[in-house]
Protein backbone atom coordinates (compact mmCIF):
# COMPACT_ATOMS: atom_id res chain seq x y z
CA UNK A 1 0.13 0.02 0.04
CA UNK A 2 1.47 3.20 -1.08
CA UNK A 3 2.20 6.18 1.49
CA UNK A 4 -0.66 8.42 -0.17
CA UNK A 5 -3.26 5.91 0.24
CA UNK A 6 -2.15 5.16 3.74
CA UNK A 7 -2.80 8.63 4.46
CA UNK A 8 -6.20 8.69 3.29
CA UNK A 9 -7.83 5.48 5.25
CA UNK A 10 -8.87 7.49 8.06
CA UNK A 11 -10.61 10.94 7.58
CA UNK A 12 -9.42 13.13 10.27
CA UNK A 13 -11.47 16.03 11.85
CA UNK A 14 -14.40 16.64 14.02
CA UNK A 15 -16.96 13.89 14.31
CA UNK A 16 -20.40 14.25 13.21
CA UNK A 17 -23.08 14.72 16.32
CA UNK A 18 -24.41 11.28 15.04
CA UNK A 19 -21.02 9.47 16.31
CA UNK A 20 -21.58 11.09 19.59
CA UNK A 21 -24.94 10.16 19.90
CA UNK A 22 -24.17 6.62 19.13
CA UNK A 23 -21.37 6.68 21.43
CA UNK A 24 -23.51 7.96 24.34
CA UNK A 25 -26.44 5.66 23.72
CA UNK A 26 -25.51 2.96 25.72
CA UNK A 27 -25.73 0.50 22.90
CA UNK A 28 -28.88 1.86 21.26
CA UNK A 29 -31.01 2.14 24.63
CA UNK A 30 -30.68 5.78 25.03
CA UNK A 31 -33.74 7.00 27.22
CA UNK A 32 -36.25 5.37 24.76
CA UNK A 33 -38.29 3.62 27.68
CA UNK A 34 -38.81 7.20 29.34
CA UNK A 35 -40.14 8.38 25.97
CA UNK A 36 -42.70 5.67 25.66
CA UNK A 37 -43.87 6.50 29.37
CA UNK A 38 -43.94 10.10 28.34
CA UNK A 39 -47.81 10.87 27.71
CA UNK A 40 -47.02 14.52 26.95
CA UNK A 41 -46.04 13.97 23.63
CA UNK A 42 -46.58 11.75 20.85
CA UNK A 43 -43.12 11.75 19.63
CA UNK A 44 -39.69 10.67 20.81
CA UNK A 45 -37.47 13.58 22.03
CA UNK A 46 -33.70 14.29 21.85
CA UNK A 47 -31.48 11.62 20.69
CA UNK A 48 -34.23 9.12 21.07
CA UNK A 49 -35.53 10.73 17.72
CA UNK A 50 -32.47 9.16 15.85
CA UNK A 51 -32.05 6.08 18.21
CA UNK A 52 -35.46 4.65 17.35
CA UNK A 53 -34.08 4.02 13.71
CA UNK A 54 -31.90 1.43 14.85
CA UNK A 55 -34.76 -0.22 16.20
CA UNK A 56 -36.63 0.13 12.55
CA UNK A 57 -38.72 3.17 13.03
CA UNK A 58 -38.70 6.72 11.85
CA UNK A 59 -41.01 9.33 13.32
CA UNK A 60 -43.25 11.28 11.05
CA UNK A 61 -45.88 13.36 11.11
CA UNK A 62 -48.95 13.93 8.73
CA UNK A 63 -47.74 16.83 6.42
CA UNK A 64 -50.85 17.51 4.99
CA UNK A 65 -52.15 18.99 8.12
CA UNK A 66 -48.91 20.28 9.76
CA UNK A 67 -49.72 23.95 9.17
CA UNK A 68 -53.19 23.32 10.27
CA UNK A 69 -52.14 21.96 13.63
CA UNK A 70 -49.76 24.46 14.04
CA UNK A 71 -52.19 27.15 13.71
CA UNK A 72 -54.24 25.44 16.25
CA UNK A 73 -51.32 25.55 18.60
CA UNK A 74 -51.12 21.53 18.54
CA UNK A 75 -47.95 19.66 18.24
CA UNK A 76 -47.59 17.72 14.76
CA UNK A 77 -49.57 14.60 14.34
CA UNK A 78 -46.83 12.33 15.31
CA UNK A 79 -46.55 8.67 14.55
CA UNK A 80 -44.17 6.10 13.58
CA UNK A 81 -43.26 4.13 10.32
CA UNK A 82 -41.81 0.68 11.06
CA UNK A 83 -39.84 -1.32 8.65
CA UNK A 84 -39.98 -4.90 8.88
CA UNK A 85 -36.43 -7.06 8.70
CA UNK A 86 -37.36 -9.60 6.18
CA UNK A 87 -34.42 -10.97 4.32
CA UNK A 88 -35.20 -11.76 0.58
CA UNK A 89 -38.69 -10.60 1.17
CA UNK A 90 -39.92 -14.06 2.28
CA UNK A 91 -42.84 -14.30 4.63
CA UNK A 92 -45.39 -17.06 5.24
CA UNK A 93 -49.07 -16.52 4.91
CA UNK A 94 -49.40 -16.77 8.52
CA UNK A 95 -47.27 -14.15 9.34
CA UNK A 96 -49.07 -12.12 6.36
CA UNK A 97 -52.36 -12.53 8.36
CA UNK A 98 -51.01 -11.25 11.54
CA UNK A 99 -49.50 -8.09 9.96
CA UNK A 100 -52.83 -7.48 7.88
CA UNK A 101 -54.67 -7.57 11.20
CA UNK A 102 -52.39 -5.04 12.81
CA UNK A 103 -52.53 -2.65 9.86
CA UNK A 104 -56.04 -2.67 9.84
CA UNK A 105 -56.54 -2.52 13.81
CA UNK A 106 -53.74 -0.38 14.99
CA UNK A 107 -52.55 1.83 12.17
CA UNK A 108 -53.78 5.46 11.32
CA UNK A 109 -54.03 4.57 7.51
CA UNK A 110 -54.96 0.96 7.57
CA UNK A 111 -52.28 0.31 4.79
CA UNK A 112 -49.25 -2.19 4.14
CA UNK A 113 -46.66 -0.67 2.02
CA UNK A 114 -44.35 -3.15 0.34
CA UNK A 115 -40.71 -1.61 -0.47
CA UNK A 116 -38.25 -1.94 -3.03
CA UNK A 117 -36.15 -3.26 -0.26
CA UNK A 118 -38.12 -6.49 -0.19
CA UNK A 119 -40.04 -5.70 2.82
CA UNK A 120 -43.10 -3.92 4.32
CA UNK A 121 -43.71 -0.90 6.22
CA UNK A 122 -46.55 0.24 8.62
CA UNK A 123 -47.27 3.88 8.47
CA UNK A 124 -48.93 5.69 11.21
CA UNK A 125 -48.69 3.79 14.43
CA UNK A 126 -49.38 6.07 17.27
CA UNK A 127 -46.50 5.86 20.16
CA UNK A 128 -49.27 3.92 22.39
CA UNK A 129 -49.10 1.21 19.84
CA UNK A 130 -45.43 1.16 19.22
CA UNK A 131 -44.32 -1.53 21.57
CA UNK A 132 -47.67 -3.46 20.59
CA UNK A 133 -46.13 -3.65 16.84
CA UNK A 134 -43.02 -5.07 18.02
CA UNK A 135 -44.54 -7.41 19.97
CA UNK A 136 -46.75 -8.82 17.44
CA UNK A 137 -43.81 -9.17 15.24
CA UNK A 138 -41.79 -11.11 17.74
CA UNK A 139 -45.08 -13.22 18.33
CA UNK A 140 -44.61 -14.47 14.56
CA UNK A 141 -40.82 -14.63 14.59
CA UNK A 142 -40.28 -11.26 12.94
CA UNK A 143 -38.61 -8.39 14.03
CA UNK A 144 -37.47 -4.66 12.66
CA UNK A 145 -34.10 -4.46 14.16
CA UNK A 146 -31.74 -2.86 11.91
CA UNK A 147 -33.80 -1.81 9.13
CA UNK A 148 -32.68 2.01 9.49
CA UNK A 149 -29.60 4.13 10.56
CA UNK A 150 -26.21 3.30 10.47
CA UNK A 151 -26.01 -0.55 10.09
CA UNK A 152 -26.59 -3.19 7.64
CA UNK A 153 -30.26 -3.06 6.21
CA UNK A 154 -32.67 -5.23 4.94
CA UNK A 155 -30.81 -7.59 2.65
CA UNK A 156 -32.48 -8.19 -1.19
CA UNK A 157 -31.96 -11.11 -3.36
CA UNK A 158 -33.40 -12.20 -6.78
CA UNK A 159 -37.06 -12.82 -5.86
CA UNK A 160 -38.49 -15.13 -8.90
CA UNK A 161 -35.75 -17.25 -10.54
CA UNK A 162 -37.06 -20.29 -12.47
CA UNK A 163 -35.41 -22.90 -9.94
CA UNK A 164 -36.99 -23.42 -6.72
CA UNK A 165 -33.70 -24.81 -5.42
CA UNK A 166 -31.46 -22.43 -6.35
CA UNK A 167 -33.73 -19.65 -4.53
CA UNK A 168 -33.87 -21.78 -1.64
CA UNK A 169 -30.10 -21.72 -1.49
CA UNK A 170 -29.78 -18.09 -2.20
CA UNK A 171 -32.47 -17.34 0.35
CA UNK A 172 -30.63 -19.36 3.18
CA UNK A 173 -27.40 -17.42 2.53
CA UNK A 174 -29.12 -14.21 2.51
CA UNK A 175 -30.85 -14.96 5.92
CA UNK A 176 -27.51 -16.38 7.31
CA UNK A 177 -25.69 -12.80 6.16
CA UNK A 178 -28.56 -10.94 7.71
CA UNK A 179 -27.96 -12.58 10.98
CA UNK A 180 -24.50 -12.50 11.18
CA UNK A 181 -24.66 -8.78 10.79
CA UNK A 182 -27.33 -7.85 13.18
CA UNK A 183 -26.13 -5.59 16.02
CA UNK A 184 -25.60 -7.68 19.12
CA UNK A 185 -26.84 -5.42 21.73
CA UNK A 186 -29.92 -6.47 23.73
CA UNK A 187 -31.46 -3.21 23.57
CA UNK A 188 -34.07 -4.22 21.26
CA UNK A 189 -35.19 -7.16 23.03
CA UNK A 190 -35.03 -5.27 26.59
CA UNK A 191 -37.15 -2.26 25.48
CA UNK A 192 -39.66 -4.02 23.23
CA UNK A 193 -39.94 -7.71 24.36
CA UNK A 194 -39.21 -6.95 27.86
CA UNK A 195 -36.42 -9.17 28.01
CA UNK A 196 -34.70 -9.08 31.40
CA UNK A 197 -31.58 -7.05 31.57
CA UNK A 198 -28.50 -9.47 32.34
CA UNK A 199 -25.07 -8.32 33.71
CA UNK A 200 -23.35 -9.15 30.49
CA UNK A 201 -21.15 -6.50 28.82
CA UNK A 202 -22.28 -5.58 25.44
CA UNK A 203 -20.02 -5.58 22.53
CA UNK A 204 -20.52 -5.06 18.94
CA UNK A 205 -17.86 -7.32 17.52
CA UNK A 206 -18.68 -6.73 13.69
CA UNK A 207 -20.66 -3.62 13.78
CA UNK A 208 -18.21 -1.69 16.13
CA UNK A 209 -19.17 0.21 19.12
CA UNK A 210 -20.20 3.14 17.26
CA UNK A 211 -21.71 1.05 14.61
CA UNK A 212 -21.18 2.32 11.00
CA UNK A 213 -20.58 5.47 9.56
CA UNK A 214 -23.48 5.45 7.43
CA UNK A 215 -26.34 2.93 6.07
CA UNK A 216 -25.23 -0.15 4.32
CA UNK A 217 -26.91 -2.06 1.90
CA UNK A 218 -26.45 -5.75 0.41
CA UNK A 219 -27.98 -7.31 -2.62
CA UNK A 220 -27.76 -11.04 -4.30
CA UNK A 221 -28.54 -11.01 -7.90
CA UNK A 222 -28.98 -14.08 -9.88
CA UNK A 223 -28.66 -13.53 -13.41
CA UNK A 224 -30.02 -12.55 -15.91
CA UNK A 225 -32.37 -11.06 -13.57
CA UNK A 226 -31.05 -7.54 -12.17
CA UNK A 227 -34.26 -6.73 -10.08
CA UNK A 228 -32.38 -5.82 -6.95
CA UNK A 229 -30.69 -3.05 -8.69
CA UNK A 230 -27.46 -4.06 -7.58
CA UNK A 231 -25.71 -0.61 -8.52
CA UNK A 232 -27.95 0.85 -5.64
CA UNK A 233 -25.97 -1.40 -2.88
CA UNK A 234 -22.75 -0.97 -1.17
CA UNK A 235 -22.26 -4.67 -1.42
CA UNK A 236 -23.23 -6.94 -4.04
CA UNK A 237 -22.83 -10.68 -4.72
CA UNK A 238 -23.95 -11.90 -8.29
CA UNK A 239 -24.74 -15.88 -8.25
CA UNK A 240 -22.58 -17.73 -10.60
CA UNK A 241 -24.18 -21.23 -11.54
CA UNK A 242 -22.30 -24.20 -13.32
CA UNK A 243 -24.02 -26.94 -14.39
CA UNK A 244 -27.15 -26.20 -12.24
CA UNK A 245 -24.85 -25.50 -9.06
CA UNK A 246 -23.94 -22.17 -7.41
CA UNK A 247 -20.33 -22.22 -7.46
CA UNK A 248 -19.47 -18.79 -5.77
CA UNK A 249 -20.13 -14.90 -6.53
CA UNK A 250 -18.75 -12.22 -8.40
CA UNK A 251 -18.12 -9.18 -5.71
CA UNK A 252 -19.24 -5.64 -6.72
CA UNK A 253 -18.69 -2.97 -4.40
CA UNK A 254 -19.51 0.82 -3.79
CA UNK A 255 -22.79 1.42 -5.42
CA UNK A 256 -25.18 4.00 -4.34
CA UNK A 257 -27.61 6.65 -5.49
CA UNK A 258 -28.47 9.42 -2.87
CA UNK A 259 -26.83 12.97 -3.46
CA UNK A 260 -27.75 16.37 -2.29
CA UNK A 261 -28.90 19.13 -4.65
CA UNK A 262 -26.34 21.40 -5.52
CA UNK A 263 -23.68 19.53 -3.44
CA UNK A 264 -20.91 18.19 -6.16
CA UNK A 265 -19.06 16.43 -3.65
CA UNK A 266 -21.97 13.91 -3.58
CA UNK A 267 -22.90 11.83 -6.54
CA UNK A 268 -24.69 8.78 -7.71
CA UNK A 269 -22.16 5.92 -8.58
CA UNK A 270 -22.16 2.20 -9.99
CA UNK A 271 -20.55 -0.53 -8.18
CA UNK A 272 -17.29 -1.60 -8.77
CA UNK A 273 -16.25 -5.37 -9.89
CA UNK A 274 -13.45 -6.82 -7.70
CA UNK A 275 -13.74 -10.49 -8.73
CA UNK A 276 -14.96 -13.98 -8.36
CA UNK A 277 -14.62 -16.04 -5.13
CA UNK A 278 -15.95 -19.45 -4.07
CA UNK A 279 -18.94 -20.05 -2.52
CA UNK A 280 -17.73 -21.17 1.02
CA UNK A 281 -15.95 -17.70 1.44
CA UNK A 282 -19.27 -15.62 1.44
CA UNK A 283 -19.38 -14.55 4.78
CA UNK A 284 -15.58 -13.96 5.00
CA UNK A 285 -15.73 -11.57 2.14
CA UNK A 286 -18.85 -9.97 3.11
CA UNK A 287 -17.54 -9.39 6.48
CA UNK A 288 -14.35 -7.98 5.17
CA UNK A 289 -16.22 -5.43 3.11
CA UNK A 290 -18.35 -4.03 5.89
CA UNK A 291 -15.55 -3.98 8.24
CA UNK A 292 -13.32 -1.94 5.93
CA UNK A 293 -16.27 0.45 5.62
CA UNK A 294 -16.56 0.31 9.52
CA UNK A 295 -12.89 1.28 9.83
CA UNK A 296 -12.32 3.69 6.92
CA UNK A 297 -15.56 5.35 6.25
CA UNK A 298 -16.01 9.10 6.90
CA UNK A 299 -17.22 9.91 10.53
CA UNK A 300 -16.91 13.48 10.01
CA UNK A 301 -19.12 14.24 7.20
CA UNK A 302 -22.48 11.97 6.92
CA UNK A 303 -22.80 13.57 3.40
CA UNK A 304 -19.50 11.63 2.25
CA UNK A 305 -19.99 8.41 4.73
CA UNK A 306 -21.11 5.82 2.35
CA UNK A 307 -18.89 3.05 0.95
CA UNK A 308 -18.92 4.77 -2.63
CA UNK A 309 -16.94 7.49 -1.09
CA UNK A 310 -14.61 5.37 0.86
CA UNK A 311 -13.59 3.78 -2.36
CA UNK A 312 -13.11 6.59 -4.21
CA UNK A 313 -11.04 8.14 -1.71
CA UNK A 314 -8.54 5.38 -0.80
CA UNK A 315 -8.78 4.01 -4.35
CA UNK A 316 -10.61 0.53 -5.90
CA UNK A 317 -6.93 -1.36 -5.51
CA UNK A 318 -6.26 -0.41 -2.09
CA UNK A 319 -9.80 -1.49 -0.98
CA UNK A 320 -9.62 -4.36 -3.17
CA UNK A 321 -6.30 -5.57 -1.53
CA UNK A 322 -7.44 -5.17 2.09
CA UNK A 323 -10.83 -7.15 1.43
CA UNK A 324 -8.30 -9.92 0.22
CA UNK A 325 -6.15 -9.27 3.29
CA UNK A 326 -9.03 -9.61 5.66
CA UNK A 327 -10.95 -12.38 4.15
CA UNK A 328 -8.06 -14.59 3.47
CA UNK A 329 -8.66 -14.99 -0.24
CA UNK A 330 -7.30 -13.89 -3.78
CA UNK A 331 -10.01 -12.97 -6.12
CA UNK A 332 -10.14 -14.69 -9.84
CA UNK A 333 -11.32 -12.84 -12.90
CA UNK A 334 -15.10 -11.89 -12.81
CA UNK A 335 -16.90 -14.71 -14.20
CA UNK A 336 -18.96 -13.60 -17.45
CA UNK A 337 -22.41 -12.49 -16.51
CA UNK A 338 -25.31 -10.85 -18.43
CA UNK A 339 -28.47 -9.13 -17.23
CA UNK A 340 -31.40 -9.14 -19.74
CA UNK A 341 -34.18 -7.60 -17.41
CA UNK A 342 -34.76 -6.09 -13.76
CA UNK A 343 -38.62 -5.85 -14.14
CA UNK A 344 -40.72 -8.63 -12.47
CA UNK A 345 -42.38 -11.30 -14.52
CA UNK A 346 -46.21 -10.45 -13.83
CA UNK A 347 -48.34 -13.31 -14.02
CA UNK A 348 -47.84 -17.67 -13.52
CA UNK A 349 -44.06 -18.63 -13.81
CA UNK A 350 -43.79 -22.21 -13.11
CA UNK A 351 -40.50 -23.61 -11.23
CA UNK A 352 -38.34 -26.08 -13.41
CA UNK A 353 -37.67 -28.31 -10.44
CA UNK A 354 -40.56 -29.03 -8.25
CA UNK A 355 -43.56 -28.61 -10.59
CA UNK A 356 -45.10 -25.81 -8.58
CA UNK A 357 -46.16 -22.16 -9.80
CA UNK A 358 -45.33 -18.66 -8.79
CA UNK A 359 -47.77 -15.73 -9.47
CA UNK A 360 -46.49 -12.31 -9.23
CA UNK A 361 -48.96 -9.61 -8.61
CA UNK A 362 -48.54 -6.07 -9.99
CA UNK A 363 -48.86 -3.82 -6.92
CA UNK A 364 -48.54 -0.21 -7.87
CA UNK A 365 -46.44 1.82 -5.67
CA UNK A 366 -46.65 -1.32 -3.22
CA UNK A 367 -49.65 0.21 -1.58
CA UNK A 368 -51.91 -2.48 -0.34
CA UNK A 369 -55.08 -0.63 0.76
CA UNK A 370 -58.76 -1.28 1.07
CA UNK A 371 -60.11 2.04 -0.09
CA UNK A 372 -63.37 4.12 0.01
CA UNK A 373 -63.88 3.37 -3.75
CA UNK A 374 -64.31 -0.31 -3.37
CA UNK A 375 -60.67 -1.38 -4.41
CA UNK A 376 -59.77 -4.13 -1.86
CA UNK A 377 -56.26 -5.08 -2.48
CA UNK A 378 -55.53 -5.49 1.23
CA UNK A 379 -58.56 -7.59 2.01
CA UNK A 380 -57.75 -9.62 -1.53
CA UNK A 381 -54.15 -10.87 -0.26
CA UNK A 382 -55.50 -11.54 3.09
CA UNK A 383 -58.09 -13.98 1.48
CA UNK A 384 -55.11 -15.49 -0.35
CA UNK A 385 -53.06 -16.03 2.68
CA UNK A 386 -56.05 -17.82 4.60
CA UNK A 387 -55.69 -20.46 2.11
CA UNK A 388 -52.27 -20.31 0.49
CA UNK A 389 -49.91 -23.50 1.35
CA UNK A 390 -46.47 -21.94 0.01
CA UNK A 391 -44.98 -18.80 0.76
CA UNK A 392 -45.06 -14.95 -0.14
CA UNK A 393 -42.24 -12.92 -1.39
CA UNK A 394 -41.95 -9.21 -1.85
CA UNK A 395 -39.99 -8.21 -4.60
CA UNK A 396 -37.51 -5.45 -4.93
CA UNK A 397 -40.02 -3.97 -7.51
CA UNK A 398 -42.71 -3.24 -4.90
CA UNK A 399 -44.78 -6.41 -6.23
CA UNK A 400 -46.05 -9.66 -4.42
CA UNK A 401 -45.36 -12.92 -5.50
CA UNK A 402 -47.58 -15.95 -4.26
CA UNK A 403 -44.91 -18.54 -4.44
CA UNK A 404 -44.79 -22.36 -4.53
CA UNK A 405 -48.47 -22.74 -5.59
CA UNK A 406 -48.90 -26.31 -6.35
CA UNK A 407 -51.01 -27.17 -9.62
CA UNK A 408 -54.20 -28.29 -8.18
CA UNK A 409 -54.24 -24.94 -6.11
CA UNK A 410 -53.68 -22.45 -8.94
CA UNK A 411 -57.08 -21.96 -10.03
CA UNK A 412 -58.48 -21.30 -6.49
CA UNK A 413 -55.71 -18.45 -5.84
CA UNK A 414 -56.32 -17.15 -9.51
CA UNK A 415 -60.03 -16.83 -8.76
CA UNK A 416 -59.51 -14.76 -5.61
CA UNK A 417 -57.00 -12.39 -7.37
CA UNK A 418 -59.47 -11.90 -10.00
CA UNK A 419 -62.18 -11.30 -7.53
CA UNK A 420 -60.06 -8.39 -5.96
CA UNK A 421 -58.67 -6.75 -9.05
CA UNK A 422 -55.17 -8.42 -8.38
CA UNK A 423 -55.00 -9.67 -11.68
CA UNK A 424 -55.93 -7.16 -14.37
CA UNK A 425 -54.07 -5.81 -17.79
CA UNK A 426 -51.10 -3.60 -17.16
CA UNK A 427 -49.35 -2.01 -19.84
CA UNK A 428 -45.48 -2.63 -19.61
CA UNK A 429 -44.87 1.11 -18.78
CA UNK A 430 -46.85 0.97 -15.61
CA UNK A 431 -44.98 -2.36 -14.78
CA UNK A 432 -41.61 -0.41 -15.41
CA UNK A 433 -42.49 2.57 -13.27
CA UNK A 434 -41.61 3.16 -9.51
CA UNK A 435 -41.89 5.98 -6.73
CA UNK A 436 -40.63 6.62 -3.09
CA UNK A 437 -43.39 7.19 -0.53
CA UNK A 438 -42.81 10.90 0.02
CA UNK A 439 -45.70 12.83 1.00
CA UNK A 440 -47.71 12.87 3.19
CA UNK A 441 -45.35 11.12 5.46
CA UNK A 442 -41.78 11.10 4.76
CA UNK A 443 -40.29 14.05 6.68
CA UNK A 444 -37.30 14.18 4.03
CA UNK A 445 -39.92 14.84 1.06
CA UNK A 446 -39.55 17.73 -1.13
CA UNK A 447 -41.96 16.92 -3.78
CA UNK A 448 -44.67 14.43 -4.45
CA UNK A 449 -43.77 11.01 -5.74
CA UNK A 450 -46.22 7.92 -4.68
CA UNK A 451 -49.17 10.09 -4.98
CA UNK A 452 -48.16 11.55 -8.53
CA UNK A 453 -46.83 8.40 -10.00
CA UNK A 454 -50.20 6.87 -11.41
CA UNK A 455 -50.82 10.36 -13.07
CA UNK A 456 -47.28 10.58 -15.03
CA UNK A 457 -47.59 6.98 -16.05
CA UNK A 458 -50.85 7.80 -17.78
CA UNK A 459 -49.74 10.69 -19.60
CA UNK A 460 -46.46 9.03 -20.35
CA UNK A 461 -48.46 5.99 -21.94
CA UNK A 462 -50.37 8.76 -23.85
CA UNK A 463 -47.50 10.18 -25.51
CA UNK A 464 -46.06 6.76 -26.20
CA UNK A 465 -49.52 6.19 -27.97
CA UNK A 466 -49.38 9.37 -29.89
CA UNK A 467 -45.95 8.36 -31.38
CA UNK A 468 -46.85 4.73 -32.30
CA UNK A 469 -44.75 3.19 -29.42
CA UNK A 470 -47.87 1.77 -27.06
CA UNK A 471 -45.74 -1.60 -26.88
CA UNK A 472 -42.53 -0.02 -25.67
CA UNK A 473 -41.68 1.36 -22.40
CA UNK A 474 -39.35 3.35 -20.67
CA UNK A 475 -37.86 2.72 -17.22
CA UNK A 476 -39.44 5.46 -15.20
CA UNK A 477 -39.12 6.38 -11.54
CA UNK A 478 -39.97 9.25 -9.28
CA UNK A 479 -38.36 10.09 -5.77
CA UNK A 480 -39.45 12.88 -3.71
CA UNK A 481 -36.08 14.08 -2.44
CA UNK A 482 -32.59 13.24 -3.93
CA UNK A 483 -31.79 10.70 -1.17
CA UNK A 484 -32.47 8.04 -3.72
CA UNK A 485 -35.28 5.47 -2.40
CA UNK A 486 -36.95 5.71 -5.41
CA UNK A 487 -34.11 4.73 -7.61
CA UNK A 488 -34.64 7.49 -9.87
CA UNK A 489 -30.76 7.46 -10.41
CA UNK A 490 -30.94 4.13 -12.22
CA UNK A 491 -33.67 5.13 -14.45
CA UNK A 492 -34.01 5.78 -18.14
CA UNK A 493 -36.39 8.71 -17.23
CA UNK A 494 -36.14 9.97 -13.72
CA UNK A 495 -37.64 12.54 -11.40
CA UNK A 496 -36.08 13.92 -8.60
CA UNK A 497 -38.03 16.25 -6.37
CA UNK A 498 -36.66 19.78 -5.63
CA UNK A 499 -39.90 21.65 -4.20
CA UNK A 500 -43.33 21.08 -4.27
CA UNK A 501 -44.29 20.84 -7.94
CA UNK A 502 -40.76 21.12 -9.02
CA UNK A 503 -38.44 18.46 -10.05
CA UNK A 504 -34.95 17.75 -11.78
CA UNK A 505 -35.56 15.72 -15.06
CA UNK A 506 -32.64 12.88 -15.53
CA UNK A 507 -32.31 10.73 -18.76
CA UNK A 508 -29.84 8.04 -20.18
CA UNK A 509 -29.85 5.34 -17.63
CA UNK A 510 -30.34 1.92 -19.29
CA UNK A 511 -33.05 -0.82 -19.22
CA UNK A 512 -31.01 -3.28 -17.27
CA UNK A 513 -29.61 -0.70 -14.40
CA UNK A 514 -26.20 -0.61 -15.02
CA UNK A 515 -25.79 3.23 -15.98
CA UNK A 516 -26.52 6.38 -14.20
CA UNK A 517 -28.68 9.04 -16.05
CA UNK A 518 -27.56 12.82 -16.34
CA UNK A 519 -29.61 15.68 -15.40
CA UNK A 520 -31.30 16.99 -18.52
CA UNK A 521 -33.54 19.83 -17.10
CA UNK A 522 -33.46 21.43 -13.94
CA UNK A 523 -36.15 22.35 -11.20
CA UNK A 524 -39.12 22.21 -13.83
CA UNK A 525 -42.66 21.98 -13.41
CA UNK A 526 -45.25 19.14 -14.52
CA UNK A 527 -46.23 21.05 -18.15
CA UNK A 528 -42.57 21.43 -18.70
CA UNK A 529 -41.95 18.07 -17.69
CA UNK A 530 -44.08 16.62 -20.07
CA UNK A 531 -43.60 18.80 -22.88
CA UNK A 532 -39.95 17.75 -22.68
CA UNK A 533 -40.89 14.20 -22.36
CA UNK A 534 -42.87 14.51 -25.46
CA UNK A 535 -40.42 15.97 -27.52
CA UNK A 536 -37.83 13.13 -26.43
CA UNK A 537 -40.15 10.57 -27.06
CA UNK A 538 -40.64 11.92 -30.64
CA UNK A 539 -37.04 12.00 -31.46
CA UNK A 540 -36.80 8.41 -30.26
CA UNK A 541 -40.01 7.18 -32.24
CA UNK A 542 -38.38 8.85 -35.39
CA UNK A 543 -34.48 8.30 -35.01
CA UNK A 544 -34.05 5.07 -32.94
CA UNK A 545 -32.06 2.20 -34.49
CA UNK A 546 -34.33 -0.84 -34.80
CA UNK A 547 -35.30 -1.85 -31.26
CA UNK A 548 -33.03 0.71 -29.56
CA UNK A 549 -34.21 1.47 -25.93
CA UNK A 550 -34.74 4.95 -25.04
CA UNK A 551 -31.77 5.45 -22.53
CA UNK A 552 -29.37 3.98 -25.04
CA UNK A 553 -30.75 6.31 -27.63
CA UNK A 554 -30.27 9.61 -25.89
CA UNK A 555 -26.81 8.50 -25.26
CA UNK A 556 -26.00 7.62 -28.73
CA UNK A 557 -27.44 10.73 -30.53
CA UNK A 558 -25.78 13.08 -27.63
CA UNK A 559 -28.71 14.37 -26.25
CA UNK A 560 -26.80 13.56 -23.01
CA UNK A 561 -23.41 12.34 -22.48
CA UNK A 562 -22.90 9.23 -20.45
CA UNK A 563 -21.87 9.38 -16.82
CA UNK A 564 -18.70 7.55 -17.21
CA UNK A 565 -16.85 8.62 -13.84
CA UNK A 566 -19.45 10.06 -11.50
CA UNK A 567 -16.71 11.80 -9.43
CA UNK A 568 -15.77 14.15 -12.25
CA UNK A 569 -18.83 14.14 -14.59
CA UNK A 570 -22.06 13.42 -12.71
CA UNK A 571 -22.59 17.24 -12.43
CA UNK A 572 -21.32 18.30 -15.91
CA UNK A 573 -23.96 19.77 -17.89
CA UNK A 574 -23.31 17.85 -20.99
CA UNK A 575 -26.75 18.07 -22.63
CA UNK A 576 -28.02 19.77 -25.73
């Protein structure tokens, strides 16, 4: 390791306040119990506002009525969003029925939100019901530990490969990694499950006593499917299959999509290929990458604390050599792999090795709710859960798979799905569009996302029809702020919220999710957005090469230049 790189391993300077908070938290306990017993406020106060995130919760309020409550001299209508830990998105029907009942009986909104990190969220849990939510999850073998803040988040993997045996093997590995990286503190069990305190001394041998510098995300992809959007994650494993056997993984490190508007020290970045390693070294390699980020990550500036910035600061080769040193391996050359899609295959797909079927249901925005207009999606899934003999899988595209359905049970499941409108004709454009939650609950939201997605998709469909492209689609995503939850920075066409009604328009990603788009127009409103989209699609329809995708077209024709090195050219306005 050269001298310059050695000097860059640790960022010197005053630590961020979040580091102080973690150090003083008594291993994530803080005074959360005191706040639970405080009836004077509906929220958590001081450091606890951040500490509850380690326990899988975000404090939110209904921003639609924030000003109204302020005028009435009332505090915001605080409630909690709870995110379950659900490796690979797998959940049993029995578990589903329990979460369905809790959502109905104990949340403000009554909905279940499927996320693009392959889990579900409750929105609108009042403080008086927070402990009940954790105890309900515990009673069915689930928890929400480490689904937020500076830890390894929910691990995602390809949800519907054609081999049931391969999925089962990958699922077990996903669960194993998830449990290996869980915080060891008993704070979660003590606070939410009333576990009796012991005299043992807390230690965090993997995460460290002040945990990670920033959130950490892991994915496992099974080619040819990139449904996990691997380039959005810090640590990525591409499964390599030979003769129907899993032999190892290609390792990719340093993906990440969050930026800060106007801050050119932040950028979206695809993950870098390190090499291939054998199956039996999976935990060693995963631990090596995570602990390097733990030790070398920036703890002075949270805007530059993610793995992608550590990798750029110390250099890919330095980081890679340290992974080899800590894991005791020597990377081999990357095994050839190819991605052909990242969308879900809606409808029935048969496993090749057990003669059972998987039914993927399209759930727009991942929002399951029985609404006042008679759309009873949540009740429909509950009815399926009451008769289904297999499992459910939440996908990284916010959809739901009714998995491992025997042949004799297909018609029964299908009839229920039709009855509740869970099976219907969906355009390719709608299937390939996604949004984050945003308003009214997300405290970071700058503009609408989920509540605007359907409207924008309908407008895009009309534009596509006008230009004779009804059978085509563009990977389209909206995120309400630049933090990247809606993964707009891997879209062919992305909107990133800047203020109410205003968005930055990005173009030039590709269909398989391996290229970052570039900002095309800044701070524009709905009419201008649609006008720009109309012109771009018109050009695409007239000048494309054969079946050329939209993202590839705008790069080839120079409408925008490809983002090659995000450190230097992500913010360059190289557009016509």
